[in-house]
Amino acid sequence: MGRDVYQKAEPEKVILDFFNLKRIKTKDEIEALRLNEIAIKEMVDFQKLDNYKLMFNSKVLNQRIKMLKEVINA
């Protein structure tokens, strides 16, 4: 039998995909997600996140990620 191969997405890509698809407009909406700030800070390479963010070329996504960083004090 053949084996299916799955790749695990990097945390930075997951965050970008989520915030690209979710229509978040305020910091309050990010806070309402009740994200685990400690886990995010431990798992996410914010330099990599910023580099990946450039590939989306989206002002809206840039603003959402900026708000996320402010909410989690990153």
PDB file of N, CA and C in Angstrom:
ATOM      1  N   MET A   1       0.824  -1.177   0.000  1.00  0.00           N
ATOM      2  CA  MET A   1       0.000   0.000   0.000  1.00  0.00           C
ATOM      3  C   MET A   1       0.872   1.245   0.000  1.00  0.00           C
ATOM      4  N   GLY A   2       0.396   2.263  -0.684  1.00  0.00           N
ATOM      5  CA  GLY A   2       1.117   3.532  -0.698  1.00  0.00           C
ATOM      6  C   GLY A   2       0.889   4.303   0.589  1.00  0.00           C
ATOM      7  N   ARG A   3       1.815   5.123   0.888  1.00  0.00           N
ATOM      8  CA  ARG A   3       1.689   5.953   2.082  1.00  0.00           C
ATOM      9  C   ARG A   3       1.420   7.382   1.676  1.00  0.00           C
ATOM     10  N   ASP A   4       0.452   7.970   2.322  1.00  0.00           N
ATOM     11  CA  ASP A   4       0.188   9.383   2.104  1.00  0.00           C
ATOM     12  C   ASP A   4       1.208  10.183   2.895  1.00  0.00           C
ATOM     13  N   VAL A   5       1.716  11.227   2.276  1.00  0.00           N
ATOM     14  CA  VAL A   5       2.696  12.077   2.940  1.00  0.00           C
ATOM     15  C   VAL A   5       2.052  13.437   3.171  1.00  0.00           C
ATOM     16  N   TYR A   6       2.126  13.883   4.410  1.00  0.00           N
ATOM     17  CA  TYR A   6       1.564  15.169   4.772  1.00  0.00           C
ATOM     18  C   TYR A   6       2.662  16.044   5.343  1.00  0.00           C
ATOM     19  N   GLN A   7       2.594  17.296   5.002  1.00  0.00           N
ATOM     20  CA  GLN A   7       3.539  18.237   5.573  1.00  0.00           C
ATOM     21  C   GLN A   7       2.831  19.083   6.609  1.00  0.00           C
ATOM     22  N   LYS A   8       3.533  19.373   7.658  1.00  0.00           N
ATOM     23  CA  LYS A   8       2.993  20.195   8.733  1.00  0.00           C
ATOM     24  C   LYS A   8       3.340  21.651   8.432  1.00  0.00           C
ATOM     25  N   ALA A   9       2.342  22.517   8.490  1.00  0.00           N
ATOM     26  CA  ALA A   9       2.568  23.935   8.204  1.00  0.00           C
ATOM     27  C   ALA A   9       3.350  24.572   9.350  1.00  0.00           C
ATOM     28  N   GLU A  10       4.204  25.496   8.996  1.00  0.00           N
ATOM     29  CA  GLU A  10       4.950  26.238   9.999  1.00  0.00           C
ATOM     30  C   GLU A  10       4.003  27.202  10.715  1.00  0.00           C
ATOM     31  N   PRO A  11       4.248  27.465  12.004  1.00  0.00           N
ATOM     32  CA  PRO A  11       3.361  28.360  12.758  1.00  0.00           C
ATOM     33  C   PRO A  11       3.211  29.734  12.105  1.00  0.00           C
ATOM     34  N   GLU A  12       4.289  30.237  11.535  1.00  0.00           N
ATOM     35  CA  GLU A  12       4.248  31.561  10.904  1.00  0.00           C
ATOM     36  C   GLU A  12       3.275  31.580   9.722  1.00  0.00           C
ATOM     37  N   LYS A  13       3.274  30.513   8.940  1.00  0.00           N
ATOM     38  CA  LYS A  13       2.384  30.429   7.782  1.00  0.00           C
ATOM     39  C   LYS A  13       0.935  30.262   8.232  1.00  0.00           C
ATOM     40  N   VAL A  14       0.719  29.489   9.284  1.00  0.00           N
ATOM     41  CA  VAL A  14      -0.630  29.297   9.815  1.00  0.00           C
ATOM     42  C   VAL A  14      -1.213  30.635  10.284  1.00  0.00           C
ATOM     43  N   ILE A  15      -0.410  31.399  11.011  1.00  0.00           N
ATOM     44  CA  ILE A  15      -0.866  32.706  11.494  1.00  0.00           C
ATOM     45  C   ILE A  15      -1.195  33.626  10.328  1.00  0.00           C
ATOM     46  N   LEU A  16      -0.335  33.662   9.335  1.00  0.00           N
ATOM     47  CA  LEU A  16      -0.588  34.532   8.181  1.00  0.00           C
ATOM     48  C   LEU A  16      -1.833  34.104   7.420  1.00  0.00           C
ATOM     49  N   ASP A  17      -2.002  32.818   7.218  1.00  0.00           N
ATOM     50  CA  ASP A  17      -3.199  32.335   6.523  1.00  0.00           C
ATOM     51  C   ASP A  17      -4.462  32.696   7.309  1.00  0.00           C
ATOM     52  N   PHE A  18      -4.418  32.481   8.615  1.00  0.00           N
ATOM     53  CA  PHE A  18      -5.576  32.784   9.450  1.00  0.00           C
ATOM     54  C   PHE A  18      -5.940  34.266   9.369  1.00  0.00           C
ATOM     55  N   PHE A  19      -4.948  35.127   9.585  1.00  0.00           N
ATOM     56  CA  PHE A  19      -5.233  36.558   9.586  1.00  0.00           C
ATOM     57  C   PHE A  19      -5.504  37.107   8.185  1.00  0.00           C
ATOM     58  N   ASN A  20      -5.080  36.394   7.176  1.00  0.00           N
ATOM     59  CA  ASN A  20      -5.404  36.794   5.810  1.00  0.00           C
ATOM     60  C   ASN A  20      -6.865  36.480   5.485  1.00  0.00           C
ATOM     61  N   LEU A  21      -7.375  35.380   6.034  1.00  0.00           N
ATOM     62  CA  LEU A  21      -8.745  34.971   5.748  1.00  0.00           C
ATOM     63  C   LEU A  21      -9.772  35.573   6.700  1.00  0.00           C
ATOM     64  N   LYS A  22      -9.371  35.802   7.941  1.00  0.00           N
ATOM     65  CA  LYS A  22     -10.292  36.309   8.965  1.00  0.00           C
ATOM     66  C   LYS A  22     -10.423  37.823   8.826  1.00  0.00           C
ATOM     67  N   ARG A  23     -11.623  38.318   8.861  1.00  0.00           N
ATOM     68  CA  ARG A  23     -11.874  39.760   8.699  1.00  0.00           C
ATOM     69  C   ARG A  23     -11.792  40.477  10.047  1.00  0.00           C
ATOM     70  N   ILE A  24     -10.589  40.593  10.535  1.00  0.00           N
ATOM     71  CA  ILE A  24     -10.348  41.253  11.819  1.00  0.00           C
ATOM     72  C   ILE A  24      -9.995  42.708  11.555  1.00  0.00           C
ATOM     73  N   LYS A  25     -10.649  43.590  12.320  1.00  0.00           N
ATOM     74  CA  LYS A  25     -10.433  45.021  12.097  1.00  0.00           C
ATOM     75  C   LYS A  25      -9.885  45.744  13.317  1.00  0.00           C
ATOM     76  N   THR A  26      -9.978  45.127  14.493  1.00  0.00           N
ATOM     77  CA  THR A  26      -9.564  45.823  15.711  1.00  0.00           C
ATOM     78  C   THR A  26      -8.747  44.910  16.624  1.00  0.00           C
ATOM     79  N   LYS A  27      -8.016  45.545  17.538  1.00  0.00           N
ATOM     80  CA  LYS A  27      -7.276  44.792  18.547  1.00  0.00           C
ATOM     81  C   LYS A  27      -8.233  44.026  19.451  1.00  0.00           C
ATOM     82  N   ASP A  28      -9.392  44.609  19.715  1.00  0.00           N
ATOM     83  CA  ASP A  28     -10.387  43.925  20.549  1.00  0.00           C
ATOM     84  C   ASP A  28     -10.796  42.588  19.940  1.00  0.00           C
ATOM     85  N   GLU A  29     -10.910  42.550  18.631  1.00  0.00           N
ATOM     86  CA  GLU A  29     -11.267  41.295  17.959  1.00  0.00           C
ATOM     87  C   GLU A  29     -10.149  40.264  18.107  1.00  0.00           C
ATOM     88  N   ILE A  30      -8.905  40.721  18.085  1.00  0.00           N
ATOM     89  CA  ILE A  30      -7.776  39.799  18.286  1.00  0.00           C
ATOM     90  C   ILE A  30      -7.778  39.311  19.726  1.00  0.00           C
ATOM     91  N   GLU A  31      -7.995  40.214  20.671  1.00  0.00           N
ATOM     92  CA  GLU A  31      -8.052  39.821  22.080  1.00  0.00           C
ATOM     93  C   GLU A  31      -9.181  38.826  22.329  1.00  0.00           C
ATOM     94  N   ALA A  32     -10.284  38.977  21.621  1.00  0.00           N
ATOM     95  CA  ALA A  32     -11.428  38.076  21.774  1.00  0.00           C
ATOM     96  C   ALA A  32     -11.106  36.645  21.313  1.00  0.00           C
ATOM     97  N   LEU A  33     -10.065  36.487  20.522  1.00  0.00           N
ATOM     98  CA  LEU A  33      -9.656  35.150  20.085  1.00  0.00           C
ATOM     99  C   LEU A  33      -9.043  34.343  21.225  1.00  0.00           C
ATOM    100  N   ARG A  34      -8.655  35.046  22.292  1.00  0.00           N
ATOM    101  CA  ARG A  34      -8.070  34.413  23.475  1.00  0.00           C
ATOM    102  C   ARG A  34      -6.879  33.536  23.113  1.00  0.00           C
ATOM    103  N   LEU A  35      -5.976  34.099  22.345  1.00  0.00           N
ATOM    104  CA  LEU A  35      -4.773  33.384  21.917  1.00  0.00           C
ATOM    105  C   LEU A  35      -3.835  33.188  23.101  1.00  0.00           C
ATOM    106  N   ASN A  36      -3.095  32.109  23.075  1.00  0.00           N
ATOM    107  CA  ASN A  36      -2.111  31.834  24.103  1.00  0.00           C
ATOM    108  C   ASN A  36      -0.835  32.603  23.762  1.00  0.00           C
ATOM    109  N   GLU A  37      -0.677  33.758  24.395  1.00  0.00           N
ATOM    110  CA  GLU A  37       0.444  34.651  24.080  1.00  0.00           C
ATOM    111  C   GLU A  37       1.792  33.985  24.331  1.00  0.00           C
ATOM    112  N   ILE A  38       1.896  33.247  25.411  1.00  0.00           N
ATOM    113  CA  ILE A  38       3.166  32.589  25.744  1.00  0.00           C
ATOM    114  C   ILE A  38       3.535  31.569  24.676  1.00  0.00           C
ATOM    115  N   ALA A  39       2.575  30.752  24.263  1.00  0.00           N
ATOM    116  CA  ALA A  39       2.840  29.735  23.245  1.00  0.00           C
ATOM    117  C   ALA A  39       3.222  30.382  21.916  1.00  0.00           C
ATOM    118  N   ILE A  40       2.545  31.453  21.556  1.00  0.00           N
ATOM    119  CA  ILE A  40       2.872  32.135  20.300  1.00  0.00           C
ATOM    120  C   ILE A  40       4.299  32.655  20.344  1.00  0.00           C
ATOM    121  N   LYS A  41       4.660  33.289  21.445  1.00  0.00           N
ATOM    122  CA  LYS A  41       6.021  33.837  21.563  1.00  0.00           C
ATOM    123  C   LYS A  41       7.081  32.739  21.530  1.00  0.00           C
ATOM    124  N   GLU A  42       6.754  31.568  22.071  1.00  0.00           N
ATOM    125  CA  GLU A  42       7.701  30.450  22.079  1.00  0.00           C
ATOM    126  C   GLU A  42       7.809  29.773  20.719  1.00  0.00           C
ATOM    127  N   MET A  43       6.701  29.694  19.989  1.00  0.00           N
ATOM    128  CA  MET A  43       6.669  28.920  18.751  1.00  0.00           C
ATOM    129  C   MET A  43       6.951  29.724  17.490  1.00  0.00           C
ATOM    130  N   VAL A  44       6.687  31.020  17.521  1.00  0.00           N
ATOM    131  CA  VAL A  44       6.750  31.821  16.293  1.00  0.00           C
ATOM    132  C   VAL A  44       8.077  32.566  16.200  1.00  0.00           C
ATOM    133  N   ASP A  45       8.692  32.439  15.047  1.00  0.00           N
ATOM    134  CA  ASP A  45       9.874  33.229  14.710  1.00  0.00           C
ATOM    135  C   ASP A  45       9.347  34.487  14.022  1.00  0.00           C
ATOM    136  N   PHE A  46       9.364  35.612  14.741  1.00  0.00           N
ATOM    137  CA  PHE A  46       8.748  36.829  14.224  1.00  0.00           C
ATOM    138  C   PHE A  46       9.495  37.414  13.032  1.00  0.00           C
ATOM    139  N   GLN A  47      10.777  37.129  12.911  1.00  0.00           N
ATOM    140  CA  GLN A  47      11.518  37.556  11.718  1.00  0.00           C
ATOM    141  C   GLN A  47      11.014  36.776  10.503  1.00  0.00           C
ATOM    142  N   LYS A  48      10.826  35.468  10.687  1.00  0.00           N
ATOM    143  CA  LYS A  48      10.294  34.628   9.610  1.00  0.00           C
ATOM    144  C   LYS A  48       8.877  35.063   9.257  1.00  0.00           C
ATOM    145  N   LEU A  49       8.071  35.369  10.279  1.00  0.00           N
ATOM    146  CA  LEU A  49       6.711  35.852  10.050  1.00  0.00           C
ATOM    147  C   LEU A  49       6.729  37.107   9.176  1.00  0.00           C
ATOM    148  N   ASP A  50       7.606  38.040   9.510  1.00  0.00           N
ATOM    149  CA  ASP A  50       7.706  39.272   8.717  1.00  0.00           C
ATOM    150  C   ASP A  50       8.180  38.991   7.297  1.00  0.00           C
ATOM    151  N   ASN A  51       9.095  38.059   7.133  1.00  0.00           N
ATOM    152  CA  ASN A  51       9.568  37.712   5.786  1.00  0.00           C
ATOM    153  C   ASN A  51       8.457  37.071   4.959  1.00  0.00           C
ATOM    154  N   TYR A  52       7.728  36.132   5.557  1.00  0.00           N
ATOM    155  CA  TYR A  52       6.616  35.496   4.854  1.00  0.00           C
ATOM    156  C   TYR A  52       5.521  36.509   4.519  1.00  0.00           C
ATOM    157  N   LYS A  53       5.308  37.442   5.440  1.00  0.00           N
ATOM    158  CA  LYS A  53       4.266  38.460   5.261  1.00  0.00           C
ATOM    159  C   LYS A  53       4.487  39.249   3.970  1.00  0.00           C
ATOM    160  N   LEU A  54       5.735  39.462   3.610  1.00  0.00           N
ATOM    161  CA  LEU A  54       6.053  40.209   2.388  1.00  0.00           C
ATOM    162  C   LEU A  54       5.512  39.510   1.141  1.00  0.00           C
ATOM    163  N   MET A  55       5.447  38.186   1.188  1.00  0.00           N
ATOM    164  CA  MET A  55       4.966  37.432   0.023  1.00  0.00           C
ATOM    165  C   MET A  55       3.481  37.680  -0.245  1.00  0.00           C
ATOM    166  N   PHE A  56       2.736  38.031   0.792  1.00  0.00           N
ATOM    167  CA  PHE A  56       1.302  38.287   0.620  1.00  0.00           C
ATOM    168  C   PHE A  56       1.051  39.653  -0.020  1.00  0.00           C
ATOM    169  N   ASN A  57       1.990  40.580   0.201  1.00  0.00           N
ATOM    170  CA  ASN A  57       1.876  41.922  -0.387  1.00  0.00           C
ATOM    171  C   ASN A  57       0.493  42.534  -0.114  1.00  0.00           C
ATOM    172  N   SER A  58       0.118  42.548   1.182  1.00  0.00           N
ATOM    173  CA  SER A  58      -1.215  43.008   1.573  1.00  0.00           C
ATOM    174  C   SER A  58      -1.116  44.012   2.715  1.00  0.00           C
ATOM    175  N   LYS A  59      -1.600  45.212   2.478  1.00  0.00           N
ATOM    176  CA  LYS A  59      -1.605  46.231   3.521  1.00  0.00           C
ATOM    177  C   LYS A  59      -2.515  45.831   4.677  1.00  0.00           C
ATOM    178  N   VAL A  60      -3.633  45.215   4.351  1.00  0.00           N
ATOM    179  CA  VAL A  60      -4.582  44.783   5.380  1.00  0.00           C
ATOM    180  C   VAL A  60      -3.941  43.720   6.274  1.00  0.00           C
ATOM    181  N   LEU A  61      -3.285  42.744   5.682  1.00  0.00           N
ATOM    182  CA  LEU A  61      -2.616  41.702   6.458  1.00  0.00           C
ATOM    183  C   LEU A  61      -1.500  42.310   7.307  1.00  0.00           C
ATOM    184  N   ASN A  62      -0.748  43.226   6.748  1.00  0.00           N
ATOM    185  CA  ASN A  62       0.312  43.895   7.510  1.00  0.00           C
ATOM    186  C   ASN A  62      -0.261  44.557   8.758  1.00  0.00           C
ATOM    187  N   GLN A  63      -1.386  45.221   8.603  1.00  0.00           N
ATOM    188  CA  GLN A  63      -2.020  45.896   9.735  1.00  0.00           C
ATOM    189  C   GLN A  63      -2.509  44.886  10.779  1.00  0.00           C
ATOM    190  N   ARG A  64      -3.065  43.786  10.329  1.00  0.00           N
ATOM    191  CA  ARG A  64      -3.548  42.767  11.260  1.00  0.00           C
ATOM    192  C   ARG A  64      -2.402  42.154  12.055  1.00  0.00           C
ATOM    193  N   ILE A  65      -1.283  41.891  11.387  1.00  0.00           N
ATOM    194  CA  ILE A  65      -0.125  41.318  12.079  1.00  0.00           C
ATOM    195  C   ILE A  65       0.464  42.343  13.039  1.00  0.00           C
ATOM    196  N   LYS A  66       0.465  43.594  12.663  1.00  0.00           N
ATOM    197  CA  LYS A  66       0.926  44.651  13.568  1.00  0.00           C
ATOM    198  C   LYS A  66       0.071  44.673  14.820  1.00  0.00           C
ATOM    199  N   MET A  67      -1.245  44.589  14.661  1.00  0.00           N
ATOM    200  CA  MET A  67      -2.149  44.566  15.816  1.00  0.00           C
ATOM    201  C   MET A  67      -1.898  43.326  16.679  1.00  0.00           C
ATOM    202  N   LEU A  68      -1.704  42.175  16.035  1.00  0.00           N
ATOM    203  CA  LEU A  68      -1.417  40.943  16.783  1.00  0.00           C
ATOM    204  C   LEU A  68      -0.177  41.138  17.643  1.00  0.00           C
ATOM    205  N   LYS A  69       0.873  41.665  17.070  1.00  0.00           N
ATOM    206  CA  LYS A  69       2.116  41.883  17.817  1.00  0.00           C
ATOM    207  C   LYS A  69       1.896  42.827  18.992  1.00  0.00           C
ATOM    208  N   GLU A  70       1.073  43.845  18.794  1.00  0.00           N
ATOM    209  CA  GLU A  70       0.785  44.768  19.888  1.00  0.00           C
ATOM    210  C   GLU A  70      -0.008  44.085  20.989  1.00  0.00           C
ATOM    211  N   VAL A  71      -0.958  43.245  20.613  1.00  0.00           N
ATOM    212  CA  VAL A  71      -1.786  42.547  21.594  1.00  0.00           C
ATOM    213  C   VAL A  71      -0.950  41.588  22.444  1.00  0.00           C
ATOM    214  N   ILE A  72      -0.005  40.902  21.813  1.00  0.00           N
ATOM    215  CA  ILE A  72       0.792  39.922  22.568  1.00  0.00           C
ATOM    216  C   ILE A  72       2.135  40.500  23.029  1.00  0.00           C
ATOM    217  N   ASN A  73       2.336  41.777  22.816  1.00  0.00           N
ATOM    218  CA  ASN A  73       3.569  42.457  23.228  1.00  0.00           C
ATOM    219  C   ASN A  73       4.804  41.803  22.652  1.00  0.00           C
ATOM    220  N   ALA A  74       4.772  41.521  21.364  1.00  0.00           N
ATOM    221  CA  ALA A  74       5.910  40.880  20.698  1.00  0.00           C
ATOM    222  C   ALA A  74       6.751  41.900  19.970  1.00  0.00           C
TER     223      ALA A  74
END
